[in-house]
Structure formats: C-alpha cells, structure tokens
Amino acid sequence: MKRRFKPGTMIYPLPAALISCGKNADEYNIFTVSWIGTICSEPAMCYISVRPSRHSYDIIKRNGEFVINLTNEEMAFATDWCGVKSGRDFNKFKEMNLTPEKTEVVDSVLVKESPLSIECKVKQIIPLGSHDMFIAEVVNVLADEKYMDKESDAFLLEEAKLIAYNHGNYYKIGEKIGKFGWSVQKKK
C-alpha cells in the first residue's frame, strides 16, 4: 500500500550545483540550485529554476548567461552556505575561499574548484510560480584534468565524488551498480 502525499517536488536525488554568474568582478555571484536538469541532447540544453527574489536572478536575466558548477564532497559546506546566504550581503567567492575564473565561451565566471563547469546561454525564461525556469543551451563544458581518464578521455564521475541533494539533505553519490544498456547486454 502506498501513502498519499500532497503534490510536491519529490523527484530525488538531484545534483547539488553552484550556479555562477556575472560579467564583471563587482557582480560575480554564486548560489546553490537543485532545481536543475537536462532537457535536450541535440542541441545540448538544460534548465535551472530560480526564485525571482534571488540576488542572481537579475544578473542572469540581464546577462543571459550562467555556469553550472557541479559540486563534490570537498565543496559540500560551501555548497550549502552559498544556498543560505545572499550575494547582496556577502562576496561568496571570498567567504568560501572559492576562486572565480573567467569562462571560455560565455562572458561569465566559473568556480575553479568545481570538478565540472557547464557554460550556458539562456534561450528562454518561463515564469512558473515560485520559480522561473531558465532554459539554456550548453555551449561549453570544462572538466578538471584530474578527473579525466587519459585513455578514454571520459570524465570519471566516481573519482570526482559528486554530491546530491535529497529532500533537504546532501548525500555522497554511491557506488556504480550498472551502466546504460547493461540489462539487455549479451552475456559472453
């Protein structure tokens, strides 16, 4: 038997990501988002949902660009802190000892300590209620070399020790249990 809940956001786990934005050092900001996801493969597109009251909302809306910085166990405290403190009151990069680094394709900033940074250009903003959805095209991905497999040129997710957000809590991502298509793969 299943128990009934009121309608809510129970699709978990989600990435715990730091979104960075701003064209100039005086407007650089980072904030935590878990309402995030992939929406298309070709072209590569994703979304973030942001409350209009957030300090970074106007920066992203004005500049039309942002960066999704995946976070790991080493960044867990900073990830949470950047989600509960406002960029109106704090220089979050400075407070959390994170390094702002200019991006390659968009005119914005990324978090150098992030294992993977995804540069995005906003294509559409959809008002939804408490949050507005920024639909964006992925225009560049930058991965930390220490998490790249030298032979296959693949990003080593297990080595990066990414974290996830699950109903108010942060979690380490567990061990791999299979890969896409393993359920129908021919046995040798």
C-alpha atoms as a PDB file:
ATOM      1  CA  MET A   1       0.000   0.000   0.000  1.00  0.00           C
ATOM      2  CA  LYS A   2       1.251   3.486  -0.837  1.00  0.00           C
ATOM      3  CA  ARG A   3       0.740   6.536   1.344  1.00  0.00           C
ATOM      4  CA  ARG A   4      -0.659   9.707  -0.224  1.00  0.00           C
ATOM      5  CA  PHE A   5       1.277  12.995  -0.037  1.00  0.00           C
ATOM      6  CA  LYS A   6       0.184  16.457  -1.071  1.00  0.00           C
ATOM      7  CA  PRO A   7       1.537  17.357  -4.522  1.00  0.00           C
ATOM      8  CA  GLY A   8       5.161  18.372  -4.184  1.00  0.00           C
ATOM      9  CA  THR A   9       8.670  18.124  -5.516  1.00  0.00           C
ATOM     10  CA  MET A  10       9.594  14.558  -4.637  1.00  0.00           C
ATOM     11  CA  ILE A  11      11.803  13.797  -7.635  1.00  0.00           C
ATOM     12  CA  TYR A  12      15.059  12.980  -5.869  1.00  0.00           C
ATOM     13  CA  PRO A  13      18.040  12.858  -5.777  1.00  0.00           C
ATOM     14  CA  LEU A  14      19.118  15.951  -7.665  1.00  0.00           C
ATOM     15  CA  PRO A  15      22.530  17.464  -8.320  1.00  0.00           C
ATOM     16  CA  ALA A  16      23.710  19.981  -5.751  1.00  0.00           C
ATOM     17  CA  ALA A  17      25.201  22.606  -8.047  1.00  0.00           C
ATOM     18  CA  LEU A  18      26.685  26.041  -7.642  1.00  0.00           C
ATOM     19  CA  ILE A  19      25.471  28.433 -10.299  1.00  0.00           C
ATOM     20  CA  SER A  20      27.921  31.219 -11.067  1.00  0.00           C
ATOM     21  CA  CYS A  21      27.091  34.391 -12.923  1.00  0.00           C
ATOM     22  CA  GLY A  22      28.239  37.904 -13.632  1.00  0.00           C
ATOM     23  CA  LYS A  23      30.303  39.576 -16.340  1.00  0.00           C
ATOM     24  CA  ASN A  24      32.455  41.732 -14.065  1.00  0.00           C
ATOM     25  CA  ALA A  25      34.104  41.066 -10.712  1.00  0.00           C
ATOM     26  CA  ASP A  26      31.780  43.549  -8.989  1.00  0.00           C
ATOM     27  CA  GLU A  27      28.733  41.444  -9.910  1.00  0.00           C
ATOM     28  CA  TYR A  28      30.197  37.915  -9.668  1.00  0.00           C
ATOM     29  CA  ASN A  29      27.977  35.669  -7.585  1.00  0.00           C
ATOM     30  CA  ILE A  30      27.382  32.014  -6.859  1.00  0.00           C
ATOM     31  CA  PHE A  31      24.273  30.382  -5.466  1.00  0.00           C
ATOM     32  CA  THR A  32      23.091  26.849  -4.889  1.00  0.00           C
ATOM     33  CA  VAL A  33      20.452  25.239  -7.096  1.00  0.00           C
ATOM     34  CA  SER A  34      18.986  21.770  -7.138  1.00  0.00           C
ATOM     35  CA  TRP A  35      16.060  22.526  -9.442  1.00  0.00           C
ATOM     36  CA  ILE A  36      18.210  21.685 -12.418  1.00  0.00           C
ATOM     37  CA  GLY A  37      18.301  19.187 -15.249  1.00  0.00           C
ATOM     38  CA  THR A  38      18.890  18.106 -18.815  1.00  0.00           C
ATOM     39  CA  ILE A  39      16.103  18.782 -21.321  1.00  0.00           C
ATOM     40  CA  CYS A  40      17.641  18.041 -24.732  1.00  0.00           C
ATOM     41  CA  SER A  41      20.636  16.217 -26.240  1.00  0.00           C
ATOM     42  CA  GLU A  42      20.952  17.926 -29.618  1.00  0.00           C
ATOM     43  CA  PRO A  43      21.429  20.746 -29.149  1.00  0.00           C
ATOM     44  CA  ALA A  44      22.599  20.150 -25.594  1.00  0.00           C
ATOM     45  CA  MET A  45      20.177  22.045 -23.369  1.00  0.00           C
ATOM     46  CA  CYS A  46      19.439  22.252 -19.675  1.00  0.00           C
ATOM     47  CA  TYR A  47      17.463  24.311 -17.214  1.00  0.00           C
ATOM     48  CA  ILE A  48      17.743  25.880 -13.804  1.00  0.00           C
ATOM     49  CA  SER A  49      14.765  27.181 -11.855  1.00  0.00           C
ATOM     50  CA  VAL A  50      15.384  30.297  -9.785  1.00  0.00           C
ATOM     51  CA  ARG A  51      13.215  32.381  -7.475  1.00  0.00           C
ATOM     52  CA  PRO A  52      12.880  35.932  -8.869  1.00  0.00           C
ATOM     53  CA  SER A  53      13.776  37.253  -5.405  1.00  0.00           C
ATOM     54  CA  ARG A  54      17.259  35.698  -5.538  1.00  0.00           C
ATOM     55  CA  HIS A  55      20.131  38.144  -5.995  1.00  0.00           C
ATOM     56  CA  SER A  56      21.479  36.260  -9.037  1.00  0.00           C
ATOM     57  CA  TYR A  57      18.116  36.185 -10.828  1.00  0.00           C
ATOM     58  CA  ASP A  58      18.519  39.715 -12.231  1.00  0.00           C
ATOM     59  CA  ILE A  59      22.188  39.129 -13.088  1.00  0.00           C
ATOM     60  CA  ILE A  60      21.332  36.052 -15.161  1.00  0.00           C
ATOM     61  CA  LYS A  61      18.298  37.689 -16.737  1.00  0.00           C
ATOM     62  CA  ARG A  62      20.312  40.798 -17.709  1.00  0.00           C
ATOM     63  CA  ASN A  63      23.410  38.952 -18.997  1.00  0.00           C
ATOM     64  CA  GLY A  64      21.665  35.888 -20.448  1.00  0.00           C
ATOM     65  CA  GLU A  65      24.473  33.576 -19.322  1.00  0.00           C
ATOM     66  CA  PHE A  66      25.419  31.421 -16.345  1.00  0.00           C
ATOM     67  CA  VAL A  67      27.581  28.446 -15.419  1.00  0.00           C
ATOM     68  CA  ILE A  68      26.509  25.225 -13.712  1.00  0.00           C
ATOM     69  CA  ASN A  69      29.358  24.096 -11.438  1.00  0.00           C
ATOM     70  CA  LEU A  70      28.927  20.543 -10.159  1.00  0.00           C
ATOM     71  CA  THR A  71      29.996  20.136  -6.558  1.00  0.00           C
ATOM     72  CA  ASN A  72      31.766  17.393  -4.670  1.00  0.00           C
ATOM     73  CA  GLU A  73      32.357  16.259  -1.104  1.00  0.00           C
ATOM     74  CA  GLU A  74      35.143  18.829  -0.622  1.00  0.00           C
ATOM     75  CA  MET A  75      32.734  21.605  -1.626  1.00  0.00           C
ATOM     76  CA  ALA A  76      29.727  20.433   0.421  1.00  0.00           C
ATOM     77  CA  PHE A  77      29.957  23.104   3.144  1.00  0.00           C
ATOM     78  CA  ALA A  78      30.405  25.893   0.582  1.00  0.00           C
ATOM     79  CA  THR A  79      27.534  24.490  -1.479  1.00  0.00           C
ATOM     80  CA  ASP A  80      25.167  24.721   1.456  1.00  0.00           C
ATOM     81  CA  TRP A  81      26.481  28.110   2.649  1.00  0.00           C
ATOM     82  CA  CYS A  82      26.060  29.660  -0.797  1.00  0.00           C
ATOM     83  CA  GLY A  83      22.443  28.481  -0.774  1.00  0.00           C
ATOM     84  CA  VAL A  84      21.510  30.124   2.519  1.00  0.00           C
ATOM     85  CA  LYS A  85      23.457  33.394   2.265  1.00  0.00           C
ATOM     86  CA  SER A  86      22.718  36.178  -0.187  1.00  0.00           C
ATOM     87  CA  GLY A  87      25.109  37.726  -2.660  1.00  0.00           C
ATOM     88  CA  ARG A  88      23.536  41.062  -1.695  1.00  0.00           C
ATOM     89  CA  ASP A  89      25.260  40.724   1.685  1.00  0.00           C
ATOM     90  CA  PHE A  90      28.375  38.639   1.003  1.00  0.00           C
ATOM     91  CA  ASN A  91      31.097  38.098  -1.556  1.00  0.00           C
ATOM     92  CA  LYS A  92      30.531  34.327  -1.604  1.00  0.00           C
ATOM     93  CA  PHE A  93      33.702  33.543  -3.529  1.00  0.00           C
ATOM     94  CA  LYS A  94      35.767  35.315  -0.875  1.00  0.00           C
ATOM     95  CA  GLU A  95      33.795  33.995   2.118  1.00  0.00           C
ATOM     96  CA  MET A  96      34.075  30.360   0.967  1.00  0.00           C
ATOM     97  CA  ASN A  97      37.644  30.606  -0.379  1.00  0.00           C
ATOM     98  CA  LEU A  98      36.484  29.738  -3.878  1.00  0.00           C
ATOM     99  CA  THR A  99      38.227  31.024  -6.971  1.00  0.00           C
ATOM    100  CA  PRO A 100      36.328  32.900  -9.692  1.00  0.00           C
ATOM    101  CA  GLU A 101      37.764  32.138 -13.118  1.00  0.00           C
ATOM    102  CA  LYS A 102      36.665  33.643 -16.431  1.00  0.00           C
ATOM    103  CA  THR A 103      34.882  31.266 -18.767  1.00  0.00           C
ATOM    104  CA  GLU A 104      35.969  30.373 -22.295  1.00  0.00           C
ATOM    105  CA  VAL A 105      32.778  30.826 -24.340  1.00  0.00           C
ATOM    106  CA  VAL A 106      30.209  32.813 -22.347  1.00  0.00           C
ATOM    107  CA  ASP A 107      31.106  36.154 -20.768  1.00  0.00           C
ATOM    108  CA  SER A 108      30.795  34.976 -17.183  1.00  0.00           C
ATOM    109  CA  VAL A 109      32.685  33.265 -14.402  1.00  0.00           C
ATOM    110  CA  LEU A 110      33.071  29.692 -13.156  1.00  0.00           C
ATOM    111  CA  VAL A 111      34.140  28.147  -9.851  1.00  0.00           C
ATOM    112  CA  LYS A 112      37.704  26.891 -10.358  1.00  0.00           C
ATOM    113  CA  GLU A 113      37.379  24.263  -7.595  1.00  0.00           C
ATOM    114  CA  SER A 114      34.391  22.608  -9.293  1.00  0.00           C
ATOM    115  CA  PRO A 115      35.137  19.242 -10.920  1.00  0.00           C
ATOM    116  CA  LEU A 116      32.933  20.147 -13.915  1.00  0.00           C
ATOM    117  CA  SER A 117      31.640  23.513 -15.152  1.00  0.00           C
ATOM    118  CA  ILE A 118      28.931  23.838 -17.799  1.00  0.00           C
ATOM    119  CA  GLU A 119      28.729  27.159 -19.649  1.00  0.00           C
ATOM    120  CA  CYS A 120      25.156  28.086 -20.603  1.00  0.00           C
ATOM    121  CA  LYS A 121      23.385  30.717 -22.724  1.00  0.00           C
ATOM    122  CA  VAL A 122      19.786  31.485 -21.798  1.00  0.00           C
ATOM    123  CA  LYS A 123      17.316  30.805 -24.618  1.00  0.00           C
ATOM    124  CA  GLN A 124      14.021  31.310 -22.793  1.00  0.00           C
ATOM    125  CA  ILE A 125      12.673  32.252 -19.364  1.00  0.00           C
ATOM    126  CA  ILE A 126       9.391  30.683 -18.322  1.00  0.00           C
ATOM    127  CA  PRO A 127       7.556  32.036 -15.252  1.00  0.00           C
ATOM    128  CA  LEU A 128       6.157  29.059 -13.359  1.00  0.00           C
ATOM    129  CA  GLY A 129       5.065  30.258  -9.911  1.00  0.00           C
ATOM    130  CA  SER A 130       7.577  30.371  -7.056  1.00  0.00           C
ATOM    131  CA  HIS A 131      10.412  29.919  -9.583  1.00  0.00           C
ATOM    132  CA  ASP A 132      11.162  30.949 -13.154  1.00  0.00           C
ATOM    133  CA  MET A 133      12.791  28.379 -15.417  1.00  0.00           C
ATOM    134  CA  PHE A 134      15.844  29.482 -17.365  1.00  0.00           C
ATOM    135  CA  ILE A 135      16.103  27.212 -20.400  1.00  0.00           C
ATOM    136  CA  ALA A 136      19.644  27.341 -21.716  1.00  0.00           C
ATOM    137  CA  GLU A 137      21.875  25.928 -24.408  1.00  0.00           C
ATOM    138  CA  VAL A 138      25.087  24.288 -23.225  1.00  0.00           C
ATOM    139  CA  VAL A 139      27.871  25.980 -25.193  1.00  0.00           C
ATOM    140  CA  ASN A 140      30.954  24.602 -23.411  1.00  0.00           C
ATOM    141  CA  VAL A 141      31.928  22.094 -20.742  1.00  0.00           C
ATOM    142  CA  LEU A 142      35.142  22.363 -18.748  1.00  0.00           C
ATOM    143  CA  ALA A 143      36.343  19.371 -16.723  1.00  0.00           C
ATOM    144  CA  ASP A 144      39.143  19.320 -14.162  1.00  0.00           C
ATOM    145  CA  GLU A 145      42.004  17.290 -15.705  1.00  0.00           C
ATOM    146  CA  LYS A 146      42.471  15.256 -12.513  1.00  0.00           C
ATOM    147  CA  TYR A 147      39.050  13.663 -13.124  1.00  0.00           C
ATOM    148  CA  MET A 148      39.699  12.724 -16.752  1.00  0.00           C
ATOM    149  CA  ASP A 149      40.642   9.215 -17.875  1.00  0.00           C
ATOM    150  CA  LYS A 150      43.740   9.652 -20.028  1.00  0.00           C
ATOM    151  CA  GLU A 151      42.980   6.649 -22.260  1.00  0.00           C
ATOM    152  CA  SER A 152      39.253   7.014 -22.932  1.00  0.00           C
ATOM    153  CA  ASP A 153      39.002  10.811 -22.427  1.00  0.00           C
ATOM    154  CA  ALA A 154      35.980  10.142 -20.200  1.00  0.00           C
ATOM    155  CA  PHE A 155      35.035  12.140 -17.108  1.00  0.00           C
ATOM    156  CA  LEU A 156      35.466   9.921 -14.045  1.00  0.00           C
ATOM    157  CA  LEU A 157      32.323  10.594 -12.027  1.00  0.00           C
ATOM    158  CA  GLU A 158      33.326   8.197  -9.248  1.00  0.00           C
ATOM    159  CA  GLU A 159      36.665   9.976  -8.777  1.00  0.00           C
ATOM    160  CA  ALA A 160      35.023  13.419  -8.646  1.00  0.00           C
ATOM    161  CA  LYS A 161      32.946  12.376  -5.594  1.00  0.00           C
ATOM    162  CA  LEU A 162      29.959  14.480  -6.635  1.00  0.00           C
ATOM    163  CA  ILE A 163      27.199  15.187  -4.133  1.00  0.00           C
ATOM    164  CA  ALA A 164      23.431  15.122  -4.480  1.00  0.00           C
ATOM    165  CA  TYR A 165      20.541  16.872  -2.759  1.00  0.00           C
ATOM    166  CA  ASN A 166      17.725  14.705  -1.454  1.00  0.00           C
ATOM    167  CA  HIS A 167      14.687  16.212   0.293  1.00  0.00           C
ATOM    168  CA  GLY A 168      16.598  18.740   2.399  1.00  0.00           C
ATOM    169  CA  ASN A 169      19.825  16.765   2.827  1.00  0.00           C
ATOM    170  CA  TYR A 170      23.125  16.377   0.998  1.00  0.00           C
ATOM    171  CA  TYR A 171      24.475  12.921   0.145  1.00  0.00           C
ATOM    172  CA  LYS A 172      27.546  11.342  -1.340  1.00  0.00           C
ATOM    173  CA  ILE A 173      26.802   9.606  -4.609  1.00  0.00           C
ATOM    174  CA  GLY A 174      27.184   5.848  -4.091  1.00  0.00           C
ATOM    175  CA  GLU A 175      28.945   3.153  -5.997  1.00  0.00           C
ATOM    176  CA  LYS A 176      28.174   2.263  -9.592  1.00  0.00           C
ATOM    177  CA  ILE A 177      25.736  -0.650  -9.944  1.00  0.00           C
ATOM    178  CA  GLY A 178      25.396  -0.833 -13.721  1.00  0.00           C
ATOM    179  CA  LYS A 179      25.625   1.135 -16.963  1.00  0.00           C
ATOM    180  CA  PHE A 180      23.133   2.163 -19.620  1.00  0.00           C
ATOM    181  CA  GLY A 181      22.037  -0.939 -21.513  1.00  0.00           C
ATOM    182  CA  TRP A 182      23.566  -3.472 -19.095  1.00  0.00           C
ATOM    183  CA  SER A 183      20.161  -5.085 -18.533  1.00  0.00           C
ATOM    184  CA  VAL A 184      19.963  -6.195 -22.171  1.00  0.00           C
ATOM    185  CA  GLN A 185      23.647  -6.647 -22.876  1.00  0.00           C
ATOM    186  CA  LYS A 186      24.580 -10.034 -24.353  1.00  0.00           C
ATOM    187  CA  LYS A 187      26.384 -12.281 -21.923  1.00  0.00           C
ATOM    188  CA  LYS A 188      29.700 -13.677 -23.099  1.00  0.00           C
END
